[in-house]
Amino acid sequence: HAVLFLVLAFFTSAAIWIMLEAEF
């Protein structure tokens, strides 16, 4: 479950970076 929550954290960080126009 900890690993799955970490995957969710990575996905959310990626969404924030997309909002900041850092798609790469």
mmCIF file of all heavy atoms, coordinates in Angstrom:
data_MODEL
# 
_entry.id   MODEL 
# 
loop_
_atom_site.group_PDB 
_atom_site.id 
_atom_site.type_symbol 
_atom_site.label_atom_id 
_atom_site.label_alt_id 
_atom_site.label_comp_id 
_atom_site.label_asym_id 
_atom_site.label_entity_id 
_atom_site.label_seq_id 
_atom_site.pdbx_PDB_ins_code 
_atom_site.Cartn_x 
_atom_site.Cartn_y 
_atom_site.Cartn_z 
_atom_site.occupancy 
_atom_site.B_iso_or_equiv 
_atom_site.pdbx_formal_charge 
_atom_site.auth_seq_id 
_atom_site.auth_comp_id 
_atom_site.auth_asym_id 
_atom_site.auth_atom_id 
_atom_site.pdbx_PDB_model_num 
ATOM 1   N N   . HIS A 1 1  ? 0.828  -1.206 0.000   1.00 0.00 ? 1  HIS A N   1 
ATOM 2   C CA  . HIS A 1 1  ? 0.000  0.000  0.000   1.00 0.00 ? 1  HIS A CA  1 
ATOM 3   C C   . HIS A 1 1  ? 0.863  1.258  0.000   1.00 0.00 ? 1  HIS A C   1 
ATOM 4   O O   . HIS A 1 1  ? 0.516  2.268  -0.630  1.00 0.00 ? 1  HIS A O   1 
ATOM 5   C CB  . HIS A 1 1  ? -0.932 -0.002 1.208   1.00 0.00 ? 1  HIS A CB  1 
ATOM 6   C CG  . HIS A 1 1  ? -1.935 -1.116 1.172   1.00 0.00 ? 1  HIS A CG  1 
ATOM 7   N ND1 . HIS A 1 1  ? -2.724 -1.440 2.264   1.00 0.00 ? 1  HIS A ND1 1 
ATOM 8   C CD2 . HIS A 1 1  ? -2.278 -1.988 0.185   1.00 0.00 ? 1  HIS A CD2 1 
ATOM 9   C CE1 . HIS A 1 1  ? -3.510 -2.468 1.952   1.00 0.00 ? 1  HIS A CE1 1 
ATOM 10  N NE2 . HIS A 1 1  ? -3.250 -2.813 0.698   1.00 0.00 ? 1  HIS A NE2 1 
ATOM 11  N N   . ALA A 1 2  ? 1.997  1.214  0.709   1.00 0.00 ? 2  ALA A N   1 
ATOM 12  C CA  . ALA A 1 2  ? 2.899  2.365  0.714   1.00 0.00 ? 2  ALA A CA  1 
ATOM 13  C C   . ALA A 1 2  ? 3.449  2.643  -0.683  1.00 0.00 ? 2  ALA A C   1 
ATOM 14  O O   . ALA A 1 2  ? 3.543  3.805  -1.100  1.00 0.00 ? 2  ALA A O   1 
ATOM 15  C CB  . ALA A 1 2  ? 4.045  2.118  1.702   1.00 0.00 ? 2  ALA A CB  1 
ATOM 16  N N   . VAL A 1 3  ? 3.800  1.597  -1.408  1.00 0.00 ? 3  VAL A N   1 
ATOM 17  C CA  . VAL A 1 3  ? 4.295  1.782  -2.774  1.00 0.00 ? 3  VAL A CA  1 
ATOM 18  C C   . VAL A 1 3  ? 3.206  2.352  -3.670  1.00 0.00 ? 3  VAL A C   1 
ATOM 19  O O   . VAL A 1 3  ? 3.462  3.244  -4.498  1.00 0.00 ? 3  VAL A O   1 
ATOM 20  C CB  . VAL A 1 3  ? 4.831  0.444  -3.324  1.00 0.00 ? 3  VAL A CB  1 
ATOM 21  C CG1 . VAL A 1 3  ? 5.156  0.561  -4.804  1.00 0.00 ? 3  VAL A CG1 1 
ATOM 22  C CG2 . VAL A 1 3  ? 6.062  0.007  -2.559  1.00 0.00 ? 3  VAL A CG2 1 
ATOM 23  N N   . LEU A 1 4  ? 1.985  1.885  -3.519  1.00 0.00 ? 4  LEU A N   1 
ATOM 24  C CA  . LEU A 1 4  ? 0.886  2.402  -4.337  1.00 0.00 ? 4  LEU A CA  1 
ATOM 25  C C   . LEU A 1 4  ? 0.597  3.873  -4.017  1.00 0.00 ? 4  LEU A C   1 
ATOM 26  O O   . LEU A 1 4  ? 0.317  4.667  -4.926  1.00 0.00 ? 4  LEU A O   1 
ATOM 27  C CB  . LEU A 1 4  ? -0.364 1.548  -4.121  1.00 0.00 ? 4  LEU A CB  1 
ATOM 28  C CG  . LEU A 1 4  ? -0.257 0.098  -4.606  1.00 0.00 ? 4  LEU A CG  1 
ATOM 29  C CD1 . LEU A 1 4  ? -1.528 -0.667 -4.292  1.00 0.00 ? 4  LEU A CD1 1 
ATOM 30  C CD2 . LEU A 1 4  ? 0.034  0.046  -6.101  1.00 0.00 ? 4  LEU A CD2 1 
ATOM 31  N N   . PHE A 1 5  ? 0.681  4.250  -2.752  1.00 0.00 ? 5  PHE A N   1 
ATOM 32  C CA  . PHE A 1 5  ? 0.515  5.663  -2.401  1.00 0.00 ? 5  PHE A CA  1 
ATOM 33  C C   . PHE A 1 5  ? 1.664  6.504  -2.960  1.00 0.00 ? 5  PHE A C   1 
ATOM 34  O O   . PHE A 1 5  ? 1.461  7.660  -3.353  1.00 0.00 ? 5  PHE A O   1 
ATOM 35  C CB  . PHE A 1 5  ? 0.425  5.838  -0.888  1.00 0.00 ? 5  PHE A CB  1 
ATOM 36  C CG  . PHE A 1 5  ? -0.950 5.616  -0.334  1.00 0.00 ? 5  PHE A CG  1 
ATOM 37  C CD1 . PHE A 1 5  ? -1.211 4.556  0.514   1.00 0.00 ? 5  PHE A CD1 1 
ATOM 38  C CD2 . PHE A 1 5  ? -1.982 6.475  -0.672  1.00 0.00 ? 5  PHE A CD2 1 
ATOM 39  C CE1 . PHE A 1 5  ? -2.487 4.348  1.026   1.00 0.00 ? 5  PHE A CE1 1 
ATOM 40  C CE2 . PHE A 1 5  ? -3.262 6.279  -0.165  1.00 0.00 ? 5  PHE A CE2 1 
ATOM 41  C CZ  . PHE A 1 5  ? -3.510 5.217  0.680   1.00 0.00 ? 5  PHE A CZ  1 
ATOM 42  N N   . LEU A 1 6  ? 2.860  5.945  -3.018  1.00 0.00 ? 6  LEU A N   1 
ATOM 43  C CA  . LEU A 1 6  ? 3.985  6.671  -3.615  1.00 0.00 ? 6  LEU A CA  1 
ATOM 44  C C   . LEU A 1 6  ? 3.782  6.861  -5.115  1.00 0.00 ? 6  LEU A C   1 
ATOM 45  O O   . LEU A 1 6  ? 4.131  7.903  -5.676  1.00 0.00 ? 6  LEU A O   1 
ATOM 46  C CB  . LEU A 1 6  ? 5.290  5.917  -3.333  1.00 0.00 ? 6  LEU A CB  1 
ATOM 47  C CG  . LEU A 1 6  ? 6.586  6.629  -3.714  1.00 0.00 ? 6  LEU A CG  1 
ATOM 48  C CD1 . LEU A 1 6  ? 6.677  7.983  -3.030  1.00 0.00 ? 6  LEU A CD1 1 
ATOM 49  C CD2 . LEU A 1 6  ? 7.789  5.771  -3.359  1.00 0.00 ? 6  LEU A CD2 1 
ATOM 50  N N   . VAL A 1 7  ? 3.207  5.865  -5.775  1.00 0.00 ? 7  VAL A N   1 
ATOM 51  C CA  . VAL A 1 7  ? 2.855  6.016  -7.196  1.00 0.00 ? 7  VAL A CA  1 
ATOM 52  C C   . VAL A 1 7  ? 1.838  7.146  -7.373  1.00 0.00 ? 7  VAL A C   1 
ATOM 53  O O   . VAL A 1 7  ? 1.945  7.966  -8.296  1.00 0.00 ? 7  VAL A O   1 
ATOM 54  C CB  . VAL A 1 7  ? 2.312  4.681  -7.743  1.00 0.00 ? 7  VAL A CB  1 
ATOM 55  C CG1 . VAL A 1 7  ? 1.711  4.878  -9.122  1.00 0.00 ? 7  VAL A CG1 1 
ATOM 56  C CG2 . VAL A 1 7  ? 3.416  3.645  -7.803  1.00 0.00 ? 7  VAL A CG2 1 
ATOM 57  N N   . LEU A 1 8  ? 0.853  7.207  -6.484  1.00 0.00 ? 8  LEU A N   1 
ATOM 58  C CA  . LEU A 1 8  ? -0.116 8.303  -6.543  1.00 0.00 ? 8  LEU A CA  1 
ATOM 59  C C   . LEU A 1 8  ? 0.554  9.657  -6.337  1.00 0.00 ? 8  LEU A C   1 
ATOM 60  O O   . LEU A 1 8  ? 0.217  10.648 -7.016  1.00 0.00 ? 8  LEU A O   1 
ATOM 61  C CB  . LEU A 1 8  ? -1.205 8.084  -5.491  1.00 0.00 ? 8  LEU A CB  1 
ATOM 62  C CG  . LEU A 1 8  ? -2.272 9.181  -5.369  1.00 0.00 ? 8  LEU A CG  1 
ATOM 63  C CD1 . LEU A 1 8  ? -3.031 9.343  -6.680  1.00 0.00 ? 8  LEU A CD1 1 
ATOM 64  C CD2 . LEU A 1 8  ? -3.225 8.868  -4.224  1.00 0.00 ? 8  LEU A CD2 1 
ATOM 65  N N   . ALA A 1 9  ? 1.525  9.717  -5.427  1.00 0.00 ? 9  ALA A N   1 
ATOM 66  C CA  . ALA A 1 9  ? 2.255  10.965 -5.206  1.00 0.00 ? 9  ALA A CA  1 
ATOM 67  C C   . ALA A 1 9  ? 3.043  11.371 -6.447  1.00 0.00 ? 9  ALA A C   1 
ATOM 68  O O   . ALA A 1 9  ? 3.096  12.559 -6.811  1.00 0.00 ? 9  ALA A O   1 
ATOM 69  C CB  . ALA A 1 9  ? 3.192  10.815 -4.008  1.00 0.00 ? 9  ALA A CB  1 
ATOM 70  N N   . PHE A 1 10 ? 3.632  10.401 -7.131  1.00 0.00 ? 10 PHE A N   1 
ATOM 71  C CA  . PHE A 1 10 ? 4.373  10.719 -8.357  1.00 0.00 ? 10 PHE A CA  1 
ATOM 72  C C   . PHE A 1 10 ? 3.433  11.224 -9.451  1.00 0.00 ? 10 PHE A C   1 
ATOM 73  O O   . PHE A 1 10 ? 3.750  12.177 -10.172 1.00 0.00 ? 10 PHE A O   1 
ATOM 74  C CB  . PHE A 1 10 ? 5.147  9.491  -8.833  1.00 0.00 ? 10 PHE A CB  1 
ATOM 75  C CG  . PHE A 1 10 ? 6.389  9.205  -8.039  1.00 0.00 ? 10 PHE A CG  1 
ATOM 76  C CD1 . PHE A 1 10 ? 6.916  7.924  -7.988  1.00 0.00 ? 10 PHE A CD1 1 
ATOM 77  C CD2 . PHE A 1 10 ? 7.027  10.210 -7.344  1.00 0.00 ? 10 PHE A CD2 1 
ATOM 78  C CE1 . PHE A 1 10 ? 8.060  7.664  -7.252  1.00 0.00 ? 10 PHE A CE1 1 
ATOM 79  C CE2 . PHE A 1 10 ? 8.170  9.965  -6.607  1.00 0.00 ? 10 PHE A CE2 1 
ATOM 80  C CZ  . PHE A 1 10 ? 8.692  8.690  -6.565  1.00 0.00 ? 10 PHE A CZ  1 
ATOM 81  N N   . PHE A 1 11 ? 2.288  10.588 -9.599  1.00 0.00 ? 11 PHE A N   1 
ATOM 82  C CA  . PHE A 1 11 ? 1.329  11.041 -10.603 1.00 0.00 ? 11 PHE A CA  1 
ATOM 83  C C   . PHE A 1 11 ? 0.845  12.461 -10.304 1.00 0.00 ? 11 PHE A C   1 
ATOM 84  O O   . PHE A 1 11 ? 0.706  13.286 -11.212 1.00 0.00 ? 11 PHE A O   1 
ATOM 85  C CB  . PHE A 1 11 ? 0.136  10.081 -10.673 1.00 0.00 ? 11 PHE A CB  1 
ATOM 86  C CG  . PHE A 1 11 ? 0.305  8.984  -11.673 1.00 0.00 ? 11 PHE A CG  1 
ATOM 87  C CD1 . PHE A 1 11 ? 0.478  7.670  -11.277 1.00 0.00 ? 11 PHE A CD1 1 
ATOM 88  C CD2 . PHE A 1 11 ? 0.282  9.263  -13.036 1.00 0.00 ? 11 PHE A CD2 1 
ATOM 89  C CE1 . PHE A 1 11 ? 0.640  6.658  -12.193 1.00 0.00 ? 11 PHE A CE1 1 
ATOM 90  C CE2 . PHE A 1 11 ? 0.442  8.248  -13.965 1.00 0.00 ? 11 PHE A CE2 1 
ATOM 91  C CZ  . PHE A 1 11 ? 0.616  6.944  -13.547 1.00 0.00 ? 11 PHE A CZ  1 
ATOM 92  N N   . THR A 1 12 ? 0.607  12.750 -9.045  1.00 0.00 ? 12 THR A N   1 
ATOM 93  C CA  . THR A 1 12 ? 0.146  14.091 -8.682  1.00 0.00 ? 12 THR A CA  1 
ATOM 94  C C   . THR A 1 12 ? 1.244  15.121 -8.919  1.00 0.00 ? 12 THR A C   1 
ATOM 95  O O   . THR A 1 12 ? 0.964  16.235 -9.376  1.00 0.00 ? 12 THR A O   1 
ATOM 96  C CB  . THR A 1 12 ? -0.291 14.107 -7.212  1.00 0.00 ? 12 THR A CB  1 
ATOM 97  O OG1 . THR A 1 12 ? -1.161 13.001 -6.957  1.00 0.00 ? 12 THR A OG1 1 
ATOM 98  C CG2 . THR A 1 12 ? -1.018 15.380 -6.880  1.00 0.00 ? 12 THR A CG2 1 
ATOM 99  N N   . SER A 1 13 ? 2.494  14.777 -8.612  1.00 0.00 ? 13 SER A N   1 
ATOM 100 C CA  . SER A 1 13 ? 3.604  15.685 -8.905  1.00 0.00 ? 13 SER A CA  1 
ATOM 101 C C   . SER A 1 13 ? 3.729  15.940 -10.400 1.00 0.00 ? 13 SER A C   1 
ATOM 102 O O   . SER A 1 13 ? 4.001  17.070 -10.826 1.00 0.00 ? 13 SER A O   1 
ATOM 103 C CB  . SER A 1 13 ? 4.911  15.100 -8.365  1.00 0.00 ? 13 SER A CB  1 
ATOM 104 O OG  . SER A 1 13 ? 4.845  14.913 -6.973  1.00 0.00 ? 13 SER A OG  1 
ATOM 105 N N   . ALA A 1 14 ? 3.516  14.907 -11.200 1.00 0.00 ? 14 ALA A N   1 
ATOM 106 C CA  . ALA A 1 14 ? 3.542  15.086 -12.651 1.00 0.00 ? 14 ALA A CA  1 
ATOM 107 C C   . ALA A 1 14 ? 2.433  16.027 -13.115 1.00 0.00 ? 14 ALA A C   1 
ATOM 108 O O   . ALA A 1 14 ? 2.642  16.867 -14.010 1.00 0.00 ? 14 ALA A O   1 
ATOM 109 C CB  . ALA A 1 14 ? 3.412  13.729 -13.347 1.00 0.00 ? 14 ALA A CB  1 
ATOM 110 N N   . ALA A 1 15 ? 1.258  15.935 -12.504 1.00 0.00 ? 15 ALA A N   1 
ATOM 111 C CA  . ALA A 1 15 ? 0.171  16.845 -12.867 1.00 0.00 ? 15 ALA A CA  1 
ATOM 112 C C   . ALA A 1 15 ? 0.515  18.287 -12.517 1.00 0.00 ? 15 ALA A C   1 
ATOM 113 O O   . ALA A 1 15 ? 0.227  19.220 -13.290 1.00 0.00 ? 15 ALA A O   1 
ATOM 114 C CB  . ALA A 1 15 ? -1.111 16.417 -12.158 1.00 0.00 ? 15 ALA A CB  1 
ATOM 115 N N   . ILE A 1 16 ? 1.163  18.496 -11.369 1.00 0.00 ? 16 ILE A N   1 
ATOM 116 C CA  . ILE A 1 16 ? 1.563  19.852 -10.990 1.00 0.00 ? 16 ILE A CA  1 
ATOM 117 C C   . ILE A 1 16 ? 2.617  20.388 -11.945 1.00 0.00 ? 16 ILE A C   1 
ATOM 118 O O   . ILE A 1 16 ? 2.599  21.566 -12.334 1.00 0.00 ? 16 ILE A O   1 
ATOM 119 C CB  . ILE A 1 16 ? 2.053  19.866 -9.529  1.00 0.00 ? 16 ILE A CB  1 
ATOM 120 C CG1 . ILE A 1 16 ? 0.901  19.531 -8.587  1.00 0.00 ? 16 ILE A CG1 1 
ATOM 121 C CG2 . ILE A 1 16 ? 2.667  21.217 -9.170  1.00 0.00 ? 16 ILE A CG2 1 
ATOM 122 C CD1 . ILE A 1 16 ? 1.305  19.422 -7.127  1.00 0.00 ? 16 ILE A CD1 1 
ATOM 123 N N   . TRP A 1 17 ? 3.557  19.540 -12.363 1.00 0.00 ? 17 TRP A N   1 
ATOM 124 C CA  . TRP A 1 17 ? 4.572  19.983 -13.318 1.00 0.00 ? 17 TRP A CA  1 
ATOM 125 C C   . TRP A 1 17 ? 3.956  20.323 -14.674 1.00 0.00 ? 17 TRP A C   1 
ATOM 126 O O   . TRP A 1 17 ? 4.429  21.229 -15.361 1.00 0.00 ? 17 TRP A O   1 
ATOM 127 C CB  . TRP A 1 17 ? 5.646  18.918 -13.464 1.00 0.00 ? 17 TRP A CB  1 
ATOM 128 C CG  . TRP A 1 17 ? 6.660  18.986 -12.369 1.00 0.00 ? 17 TRP A CG  1 
ATOM 129 C CD1 . TRP A 1 17 ? 6.841  20.008 -11.487 1.00 0.00 ? 17 TRP A CD1 1 
ATOM 130 C CD2 . TRP A 1 17 ? 7.621  17.999 -12.029 1.00 0.00 ? 17 TRP A CD2 1 
ATOM 131 N NE1 . TRP A 1 17 ? 7.859  19.721 -10.622 1.00 0.00 ? 17 TRP A NE1 1 
ATOM 132 C CE2 . TRP A 1 17 ? 8.361  18.499 -10.930 1.00 0.00 ? 17 TRP A CE2 1 
ATOM 133 C CE3 . TRP A 1 17 ? 7.930  16.746 -12.536 1.00 0.00 ? 17 TRP A CE3 1 
ATOM 134 C CZ2 . TRP A 1 17 ? 9.399  17.796 -10.340 1.00 0.00 ? 17 TRP A CZ2 1 
ATOM 135 C CZ3 . TRP A 1 17 ? 8.962  16.046 -11.943 1.00 0.00 ? 17 TRP A CZ3 1 
ATOM 136 C CH2 . TRP A 1 17 ? 9.689  16.558 -10.866 1.00 0.00 ? 17 TRP A CH2 1 
ATOM 137 N N   . ILE A 1 18 ? 2.931  19.600 -15.068 1.00 0.00 ? 18 ILE A N   1 
ATOM 138 C CA  . ILE A 1 18 ? 2.248  19.939 -16.315 1.00 0.00 ? 18 ILE A CA  1 
ATOM 139 C C   . ILE A 1 18 ? 1.574  21.304 -16.200 1.00 0.00 ? 18 ILE A C   1 
ATOM 140 O O   . ILE A 1 18 ? 1.575  22.094 -17.153 1.00 0.00 ? 18 ILE A O   1 
ATOM 141 C CB  . ILE A 1 18 ? 1.238  18.838 -16.682 1.00 0.00 ? 18 ILE A CB  1 
ATOM 142 C CG1 . ILE A 1 18 ? 1.976  17.573 -17.131 1.00 0.00 ? 18 ILE A CG1 1 
ATOM 143 C CG2 . ILE A 1 18 ? 0.302  19.308 -17.795 1.00 0.00 ? 18 ILE A CG2 1 
ATOM 144 C CD1 . ILE A 1 18 ? 1.072  16.407 -17.415 1.00 0.00 ? 18 ILE A CD1 1 
ATOM 145 N N   . MET A 1 19 ? 1.014  21.596 -15.036 1.00 0.00 ? 19 MET A N   1 
ATOM 146 C CA  . MET A 1 19 ? 0.436  22.924 -14.834 1.00 0.00 ? 19 MET A CA  1 
ATOM 147 C C   . MET A 1 19 ? 1.489  24.023 -14.931 1.00 0.00 ? 19 MET A C   1 
ATOM 148 O O   . MET A 1 19 ? 1.195  25.141 -15.366 1.00 0.00 ? 19 MET A O   1 
ATOM 149 C CB  . MET A 1 19 ? -0.249 22.993 -13.470 1.00 0.00 ? 19 MET A CB  1 
ATOM 150 C CG  . MET A 1 19 ? -1.518 22.182 -13.356 1.00 0.00 ? 19 MET A CG  1 
ATOM 151 S SD  . MET A 1 19 ? -2.287 22.417 -11.730 1.00 0.00 ? 19 MET A SD  1 
ATOM 152 C CE  . MET A 1 19 ? -2.569 24.186 -11.773 1.00 0.00 ? 19 MET A CE  1 
ATOM 153 N N   . LEU A 1 20 ? 2.714  23.719 -14.551 1.00 0.00 ? 20 LEU A N   1 
ATOM 154 C CA  . LEU A 1 20 ? 3.805  24.685 -14.624 1.00 0.00 ? 20 LEU A CA  1 
ATOM 155 C C   . LEU A 1 20 ? 4.510  24.672 -15.975 1.00 0.00 ? 20 LEU A C   1 
ATOM 156 O O   . LEU A 1 20 ? 5.593  25.239 -16.107 1.00 0.00 ? 20 LEU A O   1 
ATOM 157 C CB  . LEU A 1 20 ? 4.824  24.403 -13.505 1.00 0.00 ? 20 LEU A CB  1 
ATOM 158 C CG  . LEU A 1 20 ? 4.296  24.543 -12.080 1.00 0.00 ? 20 LEU A CG  1 
ATOM 159 C CD1 . LEU A 1 20 ? 5.356  24.128 -11.071 1.00 0.00 ? 20 LEU A CD1 1 
ATOM 160 C CD2 . LEU A 1 20 ? 3.845  25.966 -11.824 1.00 0.00 ? 20 LEU A CD2 1 
ATOM 161 N N   . GLU A 1 21 ? 3.904  23.997 -16.961 1.00 0.00 ? 21 GLU A N   1 
ATOM 162 C CA  . GLU A 1 21 ? 4.442  23.897 -18.324 1.00 0.00 ? 21 GLU A CA  1 
ATOM 163 C C   . GLU A 1 21 ? 5.810  23.224 -18.352 1.00 0.00 ? 21 GLU A C   1 
ATOM 164 O O   . GLU A 1 21 ? 6.686  23.597 -19.127 1.00 0.00 ? 21 GLU A O   1 
ATOM 165 C CB  . GLU A 1 21 ? 4.515  25.268 -18.982 1.00 0.00 ? 21 GLU A CB  1 
ATOM 166 C CG  . GLU A 1 21 ? 3.150  25.918 -19.196 1.00 0.00 ? 21 GLU A CG  1 
ATOM 167 C CD  . GLU A 1 21 ? 3.238  27.199 -19.974 1.00 0.00 ? 21 GLU A CD  1 
ATOM 168 O OE1 . GLU A 1 21 ? 4.366  27.579 -20.381 1.00 0.00 ? 21 GLU A OE1 1 
ATOM 169 O OE2 . GLU A 1 21 ? 2.194  27.838 -20.186 1.00 0.00 ? 21 GLU A OE2 1 
ATOM 170 N N   . ALA A 1 22 ? 5.996  22.235 -17.505 1.00 0.00 ? 22 ALA A N   1 
ATOM 171 C CA  . ALA A 1 22 ? 7.210  21.415 -17.507 1.00 0.00 ? 22 ALA A CA  1 
ATOM 172 C C   . ALA A 1 22 ? 6.826  20.001 -17.914 1.00 0.00 ? 22 ALA A C   1 
ATOM 173 O O   . ALA A 1 22 ? 6.896  19.057 -17.120 1.00 0.00 ? 22 ALA A O   1 
ATOM 174 C CB  . ALA A 1 22 ? 7.880  21.438 -16.139 1.00 0.00 ? 22 ALA A CB  1 
ATOM 175 N N   . GLU A 1 23 ? 6.383  19.874 -19.165 1.00 0.00 ? 23 GLU A N   1 
ATOM 176 C CA  . GLU A 1 23 ? 5.866  18.586 -19.634 1.00 0.00 ? 23 GLU A CA  1 
ATOM 177 C C   . GLU A 1 23 ? 6.941  17.511 -19.667 1.00 0.00 ? 23 GLU A C   1 
ATOM 178 O O   . GLU A 1 23 ? 6.672  16.339 -19.405 1.00 0.00 ? 23 GLU A O   1 
ATOM 179 C CB  . GLU A 1 23 ? 5.248  18.741 -21.019 1.00 0.00 ? 23 GLU A CB  1 
ATOM 180 C CG  . GLU A 1 23 ? 4.022  19.629 -21.076 1.00 0.00 ? 23 GLU A CG  1 
ATOM 181 C CD  . GLU A 1 23 ? 4.388  21.089 -21.264 1.00 0.00 ? 23 GLU A CD  1 
ATOM 182 O OE1 . GLU A 1 23 ? 5.595  21.363 -21.394 1.00 0.00 ? 23 GLU A OE1 1 
ATOM 183 O OE2 . GLU A 1 23 ? 3.474  21.929 -21.280 1.00 0.00 ? 23 GLU A OE2 1 
ATOM 184 N N   . PHE A 1 24 ? 8.170  17.901 -19.993 1.00 0.00 ? 24 PHE A N   1 
ATOM 185 C CA  . PHE A 1 24 ? 9.246  16.907 -20.069 1.00 0.00 ? 24 PHE A CA  1 
ATOM 186 C C   . PHE A 1 24 ? 9.499  16.264 -18.716 1.00 0.00 ? 24 PHE A C   1 
ATOM 187 O O   . PHE A 1 24 ? 9.647  15.044 -18.608 1.00 0.00 ? 24 PHE A O   1 
ATOM 188 C CB  . PHE A 1 24 ? 10.521 17.570 -20.597 1.00 0.00 ? 24 PHE A CB  1 
ATOM 189 C CG  . PHE A 1 24 ? 11.713 16.661 -20.618 1.00 0.00 ? 24 PHE A CG  1 
ATOM 190 C CD1 . PHE A 1 24 ? 11.819 15.674 -21.582 1.00 0.00 ? 24 PHE A CD1 1 
ATOM 191 C CD2 . PHE A 1 24 ? 12.715 16.779 -19.672 1.00 0.00 ? 24 PHE A CD2 1 
ATOM 192 C CE1 . PHE A 1 24 ? 12.915 14.821 -21.599 1.00 0.00 ? 24 PHE A CE1 1 
ATOM 193 C CE2 . PHE A 1 24 ? 13.797 15.939 -19.682 1.00 0.00 ? 24 PHE A CE2 1 
ATOM 194 C CZ  . PHE A 1 24 ? 13.907 14.956 -20.648 1.00 0.00 ? 24 PHE A CZ  1 
# 
